[in-house]
């Protein structure tokens, strides 16, 4: 006789119940706050507890697609876990208990997230209860295809109200469709409650008293394939810990400055607009950037000098760290001594900050890797000391102070390119923020190093383009590059990984000349 609780039914019931759990939780989170979504809570918890070597490997392999890779991995794990729950669910009671228990665990994890309120427990709890009802209903009422009735209530069934195989599939499909429908429904509700697109469109970008100097052709060379001096917003790299881009309206934004100060101050955008805005062209670099990697970019930033804002609060002379905090709880510790050209930025390349790059406000501090200086969606600045506070990444073993290391990258020719013999243009960018680039050199195979031609310097706080005219001969060749900063230091040959304070080594490309 056919088993009414066949393995495939139980497995499918587990998957459907898990989908309902996530869907209901996500829908409730649209009202409570996006960061309370069980999926995002679970993902953030995984990120916070992932070993550093695994995080670096993910960034190395997937770059700015690391979050997509995480979501795919989470999806696979969740499907496997859901199948296991279904197989162990018996006639539904055990499965219901597990789903409700999982909801309790997710509610507890949600409360551990920075900035959580008591309402953060609702998505997990309600998701657990509803998914528990679903898995119990699907399994407790199942019958064999032959029409054999379900077991009596005392044995875990609902006598006389059993589901045929077709009924099971219809019920499971209906639950799955409803779970899928919660995603666009949650997005629609979230947009109505927090319309970030309309808020950003209405944002009034401040006009700096003095505009940044124009980028001339001498700075931005017309070489095919070379990295453009200014990086378009859509191409600017994004590396952060936020699994979902925070939605923070400018009307809700407020910046608190406190800690070792004479007076705590709070600023909203009405307060900021009464202050003098500035505009600066600055290059940012991510500490996770491998040698020759793409995690660097230059933009025109509009905002307010951090030193001016801190002066209003009155910084204690004993303080040496500015601990910045994002709306999603990320923290960065920046040396106060390095804040000279630092900005509370609200504009990027002539428009309000894109949401994924920190709208409505973020920090920009030239010369430091982003993990200690570039907090997005910033809402809190605490003046403190390095011996009293630790930031997100420093608690995980990264260096507390992280000046950007001198580096050079070959943009053209690309690796393994096949080119005709004769004149070949080798070109790329080099950076050593706050120190400036003094020289770039090229080496072909084991020949002596040759000087490259530098583009005009925009400022020491930005990268610098360079070119080299190579008379290429047939064969396979290795092209290397190294840079020297204006303090006279040449970047070292030894290759090191980004952990704990930035990668080192010479970038090289192998090309074939025909």
Protein backbone atom coordinates (compact mmCIF):
# COMPACT_ATOMS: atom_id res chain seq x y z
CA UNK A 1 0.00 0.00 0.00
CA UNK A 2 1.27 3.46 -0.83
CA UNK A 3 2.72 5.35 2.14
CA UNK A 4 0.56 8.48 2.67
CA UNK A 5 3.53 10.24 4.15
CA UNK A 6 5.97 9.51 1.38
CA UNK A 7 9.35 11.12 1.44
CA UNK A 8 8.68 13.42 -1.48
CA UNK A 9 5.59 14.86 0.18
CA UNK A 10 7.45 15.51 3.38
CA UNK A 11 10.37 17.08 1.55
CA UNK A 12 8.09 19.31 -0.51
CA UNK A 13 6.09 20.25 2.59
CA UNK A 14 9.32 21.32 4.29
CA UNK A 15 10.36 23.48 1.35
CA UNK A 16 6.93 25.12 1.11
CA UNK A 17 6.81 25.78 4.85
CA UNK A 18 10.28 27.36 4.75
CA UNK A 19 9.21 29.58 1.85
CA UNK A 20 6.12 30.63 3.80
CA UNK A 21 8.31 31.35 6.83
CA UNK A 22 10.57 33.67 4.85
CA UNK A 23 7.70 35.22 2.90
CA UNK A 24 5.56 36.04 5.92
CA UNK A 25 8.59 37.32 7.80
CA UNK A 26 9.62 39.51 4.89
CA UNK A 27 6.11 40.91 4.55
CA UNK A 28 5.87 41.76 8.25
CA UNK A 29 9.35 43.33 8.07
CA UNK A 30 8.04 45.74 5.43
CA UNK A 31 6.01 47.35 8.24
CA UNK A 32 8.51 46.88 11.08
CA UNK A 33 11.71 47.70 9.19
CA UNK A 34 13.58 45.90 6.38
CA UNK A 35 16.46 44.90 8.64
CA UNK A 36 14.12 42.72 10.74
CA UNK A 37 13.43 40.35 7.80
CA UNK A 38 14.35 36.78 8.88
CA UNK A 39 16.32 36.23 5.67
CA UNK A 40 18.43 39.35 6.25
CA UNK A 41 18.79 38.66 9.98
CA UNK A 42 20.08 35.18 9.21
CA UNK A 43 22.38 36.49 6.49
CA UNK A 44 23.79 39.26 8.70
CA UNK A 45 24.40 36.76 11.48
CA UNK A 46 26.26 34.52 9.05
CA UNK A 47 28.38 37.43 7.82
CA UNK A 48 29.25 38.50 11.37
CA UNK A 49 30.40 34.99 12.28
CA UNK A 50 32.13 33.97 9.07
CA UNK A 51 35.91 33.45 9.45
CA UNK A 52 37.97 36.28 8.01
CA UNK A 53 39.81 34.02 5.57
CA UNK A 54 36.49 32.89 4.10
CA UNK A 55 35.24 36.48 3.72
CA UNK A 56 38.43 37.47 1.94
CA UNK A 57 38.22 34.43 -0.31
CA UNK A 58 34.63 35.36 -1.23
CA UNK A 59 35.63 38.93 -2.09
CA UNK A 60 38.66 37.69 -4.02
CA UNK A 61 36.59 35.25 -6.07
CA UNK A 62 33.37 37.20 -6.48
CA UNK A 63 34.40 40.86 -5.98
CA UNK A 64 31.37 43.14 -5.81
CA UNK A 65 29.16 40.08 -6.45
CA UNK A 66 30.06 38.62 -3.06
CA UNK A 67 26.56 39.28 -1.69
CA UNK A 68 24.96 37.45 -4.60
CA UNK A 69 27.23 34.50 -3.85
CA UNK A 70 26.18 34.67 -0.19
CA UNK A 71 22.48 34.74 -1.08
CA UNK A 72 22.87 31.76 -3.41
CA UNK A 73 24.75 29.84 -0.71
CA UNK A 74 22.10 30.70 1.85
CA UNK A 75 19.39 29.56 -0.56
CA UNK A 76 21.06 26.19 -1.06
CA UNK A 77 21.53 25.69 2.69
CA UNK A 78 17.93 26.70 3.37
CA UNK A 79 16.56 24.27 0.79
CA UNK A 80 18.62 21.43 2.24
CA UNK A 81 17.52 22.39 5.76
CA UNK A 82 13.87 22.63 4.69
CA UNK A 83 14.00 19.16 3.10
CA UNK A 84 15.52 17.78 6.31
CA UNK A 85 12.76 19.38 8.40
CA UNK A 86 10.13 17.92 6.11
CA UNK A 87 11.62 14.42 6.24
CA UNK A 88 11.77 14.54 10.04
CA UNK A 89 8.35 16.15 10.44
CA UNK A 90 6.40 12.91 10.85
CA UNK A 91 2.70 13.67 10.45
CA UNK A 92 3.36 17.38 10.85
CA UNK A 93 3.55 17.96 14.58
CA UNK A 94 7.33 17.71 14.82
CA UNK A 95 7.68 19.92 11.76
CA UNK A 96 5.38 22.55 13.24
CA UNK A 97 7.35 22.55 16.48
CA UNK A 98 10.61 22.97 14.58
CA UNK A 99 9.26 25.87 12.49
CA UNK A 100 7.90 27.68 15.54
CA UNK A 101 11.17 27.05 17.38
CA UNK A 102 13.14 28.39 14.43
CA UNK A 103 10.93 31.48 14.51
CA UNK A 104 11.79 32.02 18.16
CA UNK A 105 15.50 31.69 17.37
CA UNK A 106 15.24 34.18 14.49
CA UNK A 107 13.33 36.59 16.72
CA UNK A 108 16.13 36.38 19.28
CA UNK A 109 18.78 36.92 16.59
CA UNK A 110 16.84 39.91 15.28
CA UNK A 111 17.00 41.50 18.71
CA UNK A 112 20.80 41.21 18.64
CA UNK A 113 21.04 43.39 15.53
CA UNK A 114 22.21 46.97 16.12
CA UNK A 115 19.34 49.41 16.50
CA UNK A 116 16.76 46.66 16.98
CA UNK A 117 13.47 47.43 18.74
CA UNK A 118 10.99 45.05 20.35
CA UNK A 119 9.05 45.03 17.07
CA UNK A 120 11.96 43.17 15.46
CA UNK A 121 10.70 39.94 17.04
CA UNK A 122 7.46 40.00 15.04
CA UNK A 123 8.71 38.84 11.59
CA UNK A 124 10.40 35.76 13.01
CA UNK A 125 7.62 34.83 15.40
CA UNK A 126 4.79 35.30 12.92
CA UNK A 127 6.75 33.55 10.19
CA UNK A 128 7.36 30.60 12.52
CA UNK A 129 3.72 30.29 13.56
CA UNK A 130 2.28 30.53 10.04
CA UNK A 131 4.85 28.12 8.57
CA UNK A 132 4.18 25.71 11.43
CA UNK A 133 0.48 25.73 10.58
CA UNK A 134 1.32 25.14 6.90
CA UNK A 135 3.59 22.12 7.42
CA UNK A 136 1.15 20.60 9.91
CA UNK A 137 -1.78 21.13 7.56
CA UNK A 138 0.04 19.62 4.59
CA UNK A 139 1.28 16.52 6.38
CA UNK A 140 -1.38 15.81 9.00
CA UNK A 141 -4.13 15.76 6.37
CA UNK A 142 -2.37 13.78 3.66
CA UNK A 143 -3.80 10.48 2.48
CA UNK A 144 -2.67 7.86 0.05
CA UNK A 145 -3.48 8.20 -3.59
CA UNK A 146 -5.83 5.26 -3.10
CA UNK A 147 -8.03 7.45 -0.93
CA UNK A 148 -7.22 5.81 2.40
CA UNK A 149 -8.37 8.21 5.15
CA UNK A 150 -5.98 10.05 7.37
CA UNK A 151 -5.22 8.64 10.80
CA UNK A 152 -7.52 9.70 13.65
CA UNK A 153 -6.77 12.98 15.39
CA UNK A 154 -5.17 11.15 18.28
CA UNK A 155 -2.63 9.65 15.85
CA UNK A 156 -1.76 12.98 14.28
CA UNK A 157 -4.39 13.23 11.55
CA UNK A 158 -7.70 14.99 10.92
CA UNK A 159 -10.13 12.11 10.34
CA UNK A 160 -12.38 12.55 7.35
CA UNK A 161 -10.65 15.72 6.13
CA UNK A 162 -7.67 14.16 4.38
CA UNK A 163 -5.96 15.55 1.29
CA UNK A 164 -5.61 13.41 -1.79
CA UNK A 165 -2.35 13.51 -3.66
CA UNK A 166 -3.87 16.05 -6.02
CA UNK A 167 -5.22 18.01 -3.06
CA UNK A 168 -1.78 18.00 -1.46
CA UNK A 169 -0.18 19.35 -4.62
CA UNK A 170 -2.86 22.03 -4.97
CA UNK A 171 -2.48 23.09 -1.33
CA UNK A 172 1.34 23.09 -1.53
CA UNK A 173 1.27 25.05 -4.79
CA UNK A 174 -1.16 27.60 -3.35
CA UNK A 175 1.04 28.09 -0.28
CA UNK A 176 4.12 28.44 -2.50
CA UNK A 177 2.45 31.03 -4.71
CA UNK A 178 1.32 33.03 -1.70
CA UNK A 179 4.85 32.87 -0.27
CA UNK A 180 6.29 34.13 -3.58
CA UNK A 181 3.68 36.90 -3.72
CA UNK A 182 4.90 38.32 -0.40
CA UNK A 183 8.13 39.52 -2.05
CA UNK A 184 6.57 42.07 -4.44
CA UNK A 185 3.94 42.87 -1.82
CA UNK A 186 6.64 43.70 0.73
CA UNK A 187 8.48 45.80 -1.85
CA UNK A 188 5.28 47.70 -2.68
CA UNK A 189 4.50 48.34 0.98
CA UNK A 190 8.08 49.38 1.70
CA UNK A 191 8.05 51.82 -1.20
CA UNK A 192 4.82 53.37 0.01
CA UNK A 193 6.13 53.71 3.55
CA UNK A 194 9.69 54.72 2.63
CA UNK A 195 9.88 56.07 -0.93
CA UNK A 196 13.63 56.50 -1.22
CA UNK A 197 13.48 57.23 -4.95
CA UNK A 198 11.16 60.21 -4.48
CA UNK A 199 13.12 61.39 -1.45
CA UNK A 200 16.41 61.31 -3.36
CA UNK A 201 14.83 63.05 -6.38
CA UNK A 202 13.68 65.90 -4.13
CA UNK A 203 17.00 66.16 -2.27
CA UNK A 204 18.58 69.60 -2.57
CA UNK A 205 22.30 69.20 -3.17
CA UNK A 206 24.23 72.04 -1.51
CA UNK A 207 26.26 74.42 -3.67
CA UNK A 208 29.90 74.63 -2.60
CA UNK A 209 31.34 78.10 -2.20
CA UNK A 210 34.36 77.00 -4.27
CA UNK A 211 33.98 74.29 -6.89
CA UNK A 212 36.63 71.62 -7.25
CA UNK A 213 39.13 72.30 -10.06
CA UNK A 214 38.10 70.90 -13.43
CA UNK A 215 39.57 67.60 -14.64
CA UNK A 216 41.58 68.46 -17.76
CA UNK A 217 42.76 66.29 -20.66
CA UNK A 218 46.24 66.41 -19.16
CA UNK A 219 44.87 64.57 -16.14
CA UNK A 220 42.42 62.26 -17.94
CA UNK A 221 44.36 60.81 -20.88
CA UNK A 222 42.53 59.77 -24.09
CA UNK A 223 44.02 56.27 -24.10
CA UNK A 224 41.68 53.44 -25.16
CA UNK A 225 41.14 50.98 -22.32
CA UNK A 226 42.66 53.07 -19.54
CA UNK A 227 40.60 53.66 -16.41
CA UNK A 228 38.84 57.00 -16.67
CA UNK A 229 39.99 59.51 -14.09
CA UNK A 230 36.48 60.02 -12.70
CA UNK A 231 34.51 56.86 -12.03
CA UNK A 232 30.80 57.00 -12.98
CA UNK A 233 28.45 56.32 -10.08
CA UNK A 234 27.11 53.20 -11.76
CA UNK A 235 30.63 51.75 -12.06
CA UNK A 236 31.93 52.71 -8.63
CA UNK A 237 32.80 49.63 -6.58
CA UNK A 238 30.62 48.67 -3.64
CA UNK A 239 31.96 46.58 -0.76
CA UNK A 240 30.13 46.72 2.58
CA UNK A 241 28.43 44.50 5.15
CA UNK A 242 24.84 45.48 4.26
CA UNK A 243 22.93 42.53 2.77
CA UNK A 244 20.09 44.88 1.85
CA UNK A 245 20.81 48.52 1.06
CA UNK A 246 19.43 50.53 3.99
CA UNK A 247 16.47 52.78 3.26
CA UNK A 248 16.99 56.02 5.15
CA UNK A 249 15.00 59.08 4.12
CA UNK A 250 16.64 62.48 4.35
CA UNK A 251 13.64 63.69 6.39
CA UNK A 252 14.34 60.97 8.98
CA UNK A 253 18.11 61.39 9.02
CA UNK A 254 19.88 62.88 12.02
CA UNK A 255 23.55 62.89 12.94
CA UNK A 256 24.55 62.66 16.59
CA UNK A 257 28.04 63.83 17.61
CA UNK A 258 28.94 62.85 21.17
CA UNK A 259 31.54 61.20 23.38
CA UNK A 260 34.68 63.07 24.39
CA UNK A 261 33.30 66.47 23.44
CA UNK A 262 32.39 69.63 25.29
CA UNK A 263 28.80 69.49 24.05
CA UNK A 264 26.75 66.84 22.30
CA UNK A 265 25.12 68.08 19.11
CA UNK A 266 22.49 66.69 16.75
CA UNK A 267 22.22 67.81 13.16
CA UNK A 268 19.55 67.30 10.52
CA UNK A 269 19.64 68.51 6.94
CA UNK A 270 18.09 71.86 7.82
CA UNK A 271 21.04 72.38 10.18
CA UNK A 272 23.60 71.29 7.59
CA UNK A 273 22.27 73.56 4.87
CA UNK A 274 23.07 76.57 7.03
CA UNK A 275 26.73 75.55 6.96
CA UNK A 276 29.35 75.95 4.24
CA UNK A 277 29.56 73.06 1.79
CA UNK A 278 32.74 71.99 0.02
CA UNK A 279 33.55 69.92 -3.06
CA UNK A 280 36.54 67.60 -3.39
CA UNK A 281 37.78 65.06 -5.91
CA UNK A 282 39.04 62.06 -3.96
CA UNK A 283 40.10 58.49 -4.67
CA UNK A 284 38.76 55.69 -2.46
CA UNK A 285 40.36 52.27 -2.14
CA UNK A 286 39.02 49.11 -0.50
CA UNK A 287 41.37 47.16 1.73
CA UNK A 288 40.10 43.94 0.11
CA UNK A 289 41.57 45.00 -3.23
CA UNK A 290 44.02 42.43 -4.50
CA UNK A 291 47.12 43.51 -6.42
CA UNK A 292 45.81 44.82 -9.76
CA UNK A 293 42.21 44.61 -8.56
CA UNK A 294 39.27 46.89 -9.45
CA UNK A 295 38.23 47.99 -5.95
CA UNK A 296 39.28 51.62 -6.28
CA UNK A 297 37.52 54.64 -7.73
CA UNK A 298 37.58 58.41 -7.94
CA UNK A 299 34.61 60.75 -7.68
CA UNK A 300 33.71 64.37 -7.02
CA UNK A 301 32.27 64.47 -3.51
CA UNK A 302 30.09 67.25 -2.12
CA UNK A 303 29.60 67.67 1.60
CA UNK A 304 30.77 69.27 4.83
CA UNK A 305 34.17 69.15 6.46
CA UNK A 306 34.23 66.79 9.42
CA UNK A 307 36.67 69.00 11.28
CA UNK A 308 34.21 71.92 11.11
CA UNK A 309 31.42 69.79 12.58
CA UNK A 310 33.67 68.39 15.31
CA UNK A 311 34.90 71.88 16.18
CA UNK A 312 31.31 72.82 16.96
CA UNK A 313 31.14 69.99 19.47
CA UNK A 314 34.55 70.77 20.96
CA UNK A 315 36.84 67.73 20.80
CA UNK A 316 38.70 66.65 23.95
CA UNK A 317 42.48 66.92 23.29
CA UNK A 318 42.93 63.37 24.64
CA UNK A 319 40.64 61.86 22.02
CA UNK A 320 42.32 60.12 19.06
CA UNK A 321 39.49 58.21 17.34
CA UNK A 322 36.25 59.06 15.61
CA UNK A 323 33.95 56.03 15.83
CA UNK A 324 31.32 56.36 13.10
CA UNK A 325 28.19 54.23 13.06
CA UNK A 326 25.84 53.35 10.21
CA UNK A 327 22.07 53.01 10.48
CA UNK A 328 22.60 49.24 10.10
CA UNK A 329 25.12 49.07 12.96
CA UNK A 330 28.40 48.98 11.02
CA UNK A 331 31.19 50.92 12.74
CA UNK A 332 34.53 52.33 11.62
CA UNK A 333 37.30 53.84 13.72
CA UNK A 334 39.10 56.76 12.06
CA UNK A 335 42.18 58.49 13.50
CA UNK A 336 41.18 62.05 14.36
CA UNK A 337 44.59 63.19 13.14
CA UNK A 338 43.66 61.97 9.63
CA UNK A 339 40.41 63.94 9.32
CA UNK A 340 41.90 67.07 7.76
CA UNK A 341 40.26 66.66 4.34
CA UNK A 342 37.53 64.30 5.52
CA UNK A 343 33.94 64.94 4.54
CA UNK A 344 30.44 64.20 5.63
CA UNK A 345 29.49 63.63 2.00
CA UNK A 346 25.97 64.06 0.64
CA UNK A 347 26.74 64.28 -3.10
CA UNK A 348 28.66 62.17 -5.61
CA UNK A 349 29.60 63.34 -9.09
CA UNK A 350 27.09 66.19 -9.07
CA UNK A 351 24.05 64.31 -7.76
CA UNK A 352 22.79 63.12 -4.37
CA UNK A 353 24.57 60.03 -3.14
CA UNK A 354 23.21 56.88 -4.78
CA UNK A 355 21.39 54.75 -2.22
CA UNK A 356 23.94 51.94 -2.50
CA UNK A 357 26.74 54.42 -1.85
CA UNK A 358 25.35 55.80 1.40
CA UNK A 359 22.37 58.07 0.73
CA UNK A 360 21.65 60.40 2.38
CA UNK A 361 25.07 60.84 4.07
CA UNK A 362 28.38 59.01 4.42
CA UNK A 363 31.97 59.64 5.47
CA UNK A 364 34.87 60.14 3.06
CA UNK A 365 38.41 60.41 4.46
CA UNK A 366 41.22 60.42 1.87
CA UNK A 367 44.33 58.35 2.45
CA UNK A 368 42.70 55.59 4.51
CA UNK A 369 41.17 52.32 3.43
CA UNK A 370 37.39 52.41 3.48
CA UNK A 371 36.91 50.01 6.38
CA UNK A 372 38.28 52.64 8.78
CA UNK A 373 37.00 55.76 7.07
CA UNK A 374 34.08 55.45 4.65
CA UNK A 375 30.99 54.64 6.72
CA UNK A 376 27.82 54.75 4.59
CA UNK A 377 24.37 55.71 5.86
CA UNK A 378 26.12 57.34 8.80
CA UNK A 379 24.00 58.49 11.76
CA UNK A 380 26.39 58.62 14.72
CA UNK A 381 29.86 60.02 15.40
CA UNK A 382 31.45 59.22 18.74
CA UNK A 383 34.67 60.97 19.71
CA UNK A 384 36.69 58.46 21.71
CA UNK A 385 40.05 56.68 21.93
CA UNK A 386 41.50 53.60 20.26
CA UNK A 387 42.21 52.08 23.67
CA UNK A 388 38.55 52.40 24.65
CA UNK A 389 36.61 51.32 21.57
CA UNK A 390 36.87 48.88 18.68
CA UNK A 391 35.15 49.09 15.32
CA UNK A 392 33.53 46.32 13.27
CA UNK A 393 36.58 45.11 11.34
CA UNK A 394 39.19 45.77 14.00
CA UNK A 395 37.29 43.43 16.33
CA UNK A 396 37.86 40.82 13.64
CA UNK A 397 41.63 41.24 13.49
CA UNK A 398 42.11 43.98 10.90
CA UNK A 399 44.51 46.83 11.68
CA UNK A 400 43.12 49.75 13.64
CA UNK A 401 44.88 52.34 11.48
CA UNK A 402 45.01 51.65 7.77
CA UNK A 403 46.73 54.16 5.45
CA UNK A 404 46.38 53.27 1.78
CA UNK A 405 49.48 51.57 0.39
CA UNK A 406 51.23 52.72 -2.78
CA UNK A 407 50.02 50.70 -5.76
CA UNK A 408 50.01 50.64 -9.55
CA UNK A 409 47.78 48.73 -11.95
CA UNK A 410 48.07 47.82 -15.65
CA UNK A 411 44.77 48.45 -17.45
CA UNK A 412 46.00 47.84 -21.00
CA UNK A 413 46.98 45.51 -22.46
CA UNK A 414 44.77 43.04 -20.60
CA UNK A 415 46.08 39.72 -19.37
CA UNK A 416 46.72 37.08 -22.07
CA UNK A 417 46.06 39.59 -24.83
CA UNK A 418 47.35 38.68 -28.31
CA UNK A 419 48.85 41.69 -30.05
CA UNK A 420 50.72 42.50 -33.22
CA UNK A 421 54.43 43.22 -33.02
CA UNK A 422 55.45 46.86 -33.03
CA UNK A 423 54.37 49.85 -30.94
CA UNK A 424 52.12 48.87 -28.02
CA UNK A 425 50.70 51.28 -25.46
CA UNK A 426 50.91 50.06 -21.88
CA UNK A 427 48.78 52.18 -19.56
CA UNK A 428 47.07 52.22 -16.21
CA UNK A 429 46.68 54.06 -12.91
CA UNK A 430 48.68 54.40 -9.72
CA UNK A 431 47.72 55.75 -6.31
CA UNK A 432 49.24 56.73 -2.98
CA UNK A 433 46.59 58.97 -1.46
CA UNK A 434 47.88 61.92 0.61
CA UNK A 435 51.45 61.18 -0.51
CA UNK A 436 51.08 61.38 -4.28
CA UNK A 437 52.74 59.42 -7.08
CA UNK A 438 56.27 60.48 -8.01
CA UNK A 439 57.13 57.79 -10.57
CA UNK A 440 55.83 54.68 -12.30
CA UNK A 441 58.17 52.12 -13.88
CA UNK A 442 57.62 49.29 -16.35
CA UNK A 443 59.60 46.08 -16.71
CA UNK A 444 59.35 43.77 -19.72
CA UNK A 445 60.37 40.23 -18.74
CA UNK A 446 63.72 40.51 -16.92
CA UNK A 447 64.91 43.65 -18.69
CA UNK A 448 65.82 46.82 -16.75
CA UNK A 449 62.99 48.93 -15.38
CA UNK A 450 61.95 51.83 -17.60
CA UNK A 451 60.17 55.03 -16.57
CA UNK A 452 56.57 55.47 -17.65
CA UNK A 453 55.12 58.85 -18.58
CA UNK A 454 52.85 60.27 -15.91
CA UNK A 455 49.70 62.22 -16.61
CA UNK A 456 49.39 65.57 -14.89
CA UNK A 457 48.71 65.29 -11.16
CA UNK A 458 45.24 66.42 -10.09
CA UNK A 459 46.15 66.25 -6.40
CA UNK A 460 47.99 63.95 -4.03
CA UNK A 461 44.59 62.68 -2.83
CA UNK A 462 43.72 61.11 -6.19
CA UNK A 463 45.11 58.41 -8.41
CA UNK A 464 47.29 59.26 -11.40
CA UNK A 465 47.27 57.85 -14.91
CA UNK A 466 50.42 56.73 -16.69
CA UNK A 467 51.50 55.40 -20.11
CA UNK A 468 54.49 53.60 -21.60
CA UNK A 469 55.35 53.15 -25.28
CA UNK A 470 56.62 49.61 -25.80
CA UNK A 471 58.24 48.39 -29.02
CA UNK A 472 56.95 44.84 -28.68
CA UNK A 473 58.77 41.90 -30.27
CA UNK A 474 57.25 38.48 -31.07
CA UNK A 475 56.90 36.01 -28.22
CA UNK A 476 55.24 35.66 -24.84
CA UNK A 477 56.14 38.47 -22.46
CA UNK A 478 55.47 39.44 -18.84
CA UNK A 479 54.82 43.15 -18.26
CA UNK A 480 55.26 44.42 -14.69
CA UNK A 481 54.58 47.77 -13.06
CA UNK A 482 55.62 49.43 -9.83
CA UNK A 483 55.10 52.90 -8.38
CA UNK A 484 57.06 55.21 -6.12
CA UNK A 485 55.30 57.76 -3.94
CA UNK A 486 56.45 61.29 -3.25
CA UNK A 487 58.09 60.28 0.02
CA UNK A 488 60.52 58.21 -2.08
CA UNK A 489 59.10 54.78 -1.16
CA UNK A 490 58.69 52.23 -3.94
CA UNK A 491 56.01 49.59 -3.53
CA UNK A 492 57.53 46.26 -2.51
CA UNK A 493 57.72 43.24 -4.79
CA UNK A 494 56.61 40.75 -2.13
CA UNK A 495 53.01 39.65 -2.58
CA UNK A 496 50.87 39.79 0.54
CA UNK A 497 47.14 39.28 1.01
CA UNK A 498 44.77 42.12 1.91
CA UNK A 499 44.50 40.94 5.53
CA UNK A 500 45.20 42.70 7.87
CA UNK A 501 45.96 46.10 6.29
CA UNK A 502 46.09 45.90 2.50
CA UNK A 503 47.77 43.85 -0.23
CA UNK A 504 51.26 44.49 -1.58
CA UNK A 505 53.13 43.35 -4.68
CA UNK A 506 53.80 44.27 -8.29
CA UNK A 507 50.99 43.88 -10.80
CA UNK A 508 51.88 41.93 -13.94
CA UNK A 509 50.19 40.94 -17.21
CA UNK A 510 51.26 38.17 -19.57
CA UNK A 511 50.75 38.97 -23.27
CA UNK A 512 51.56 37.26 -26.55
CA UNK A 513 53.06 39.25 -29.40
CA UNK A 514 52.60 37.73 -32.86
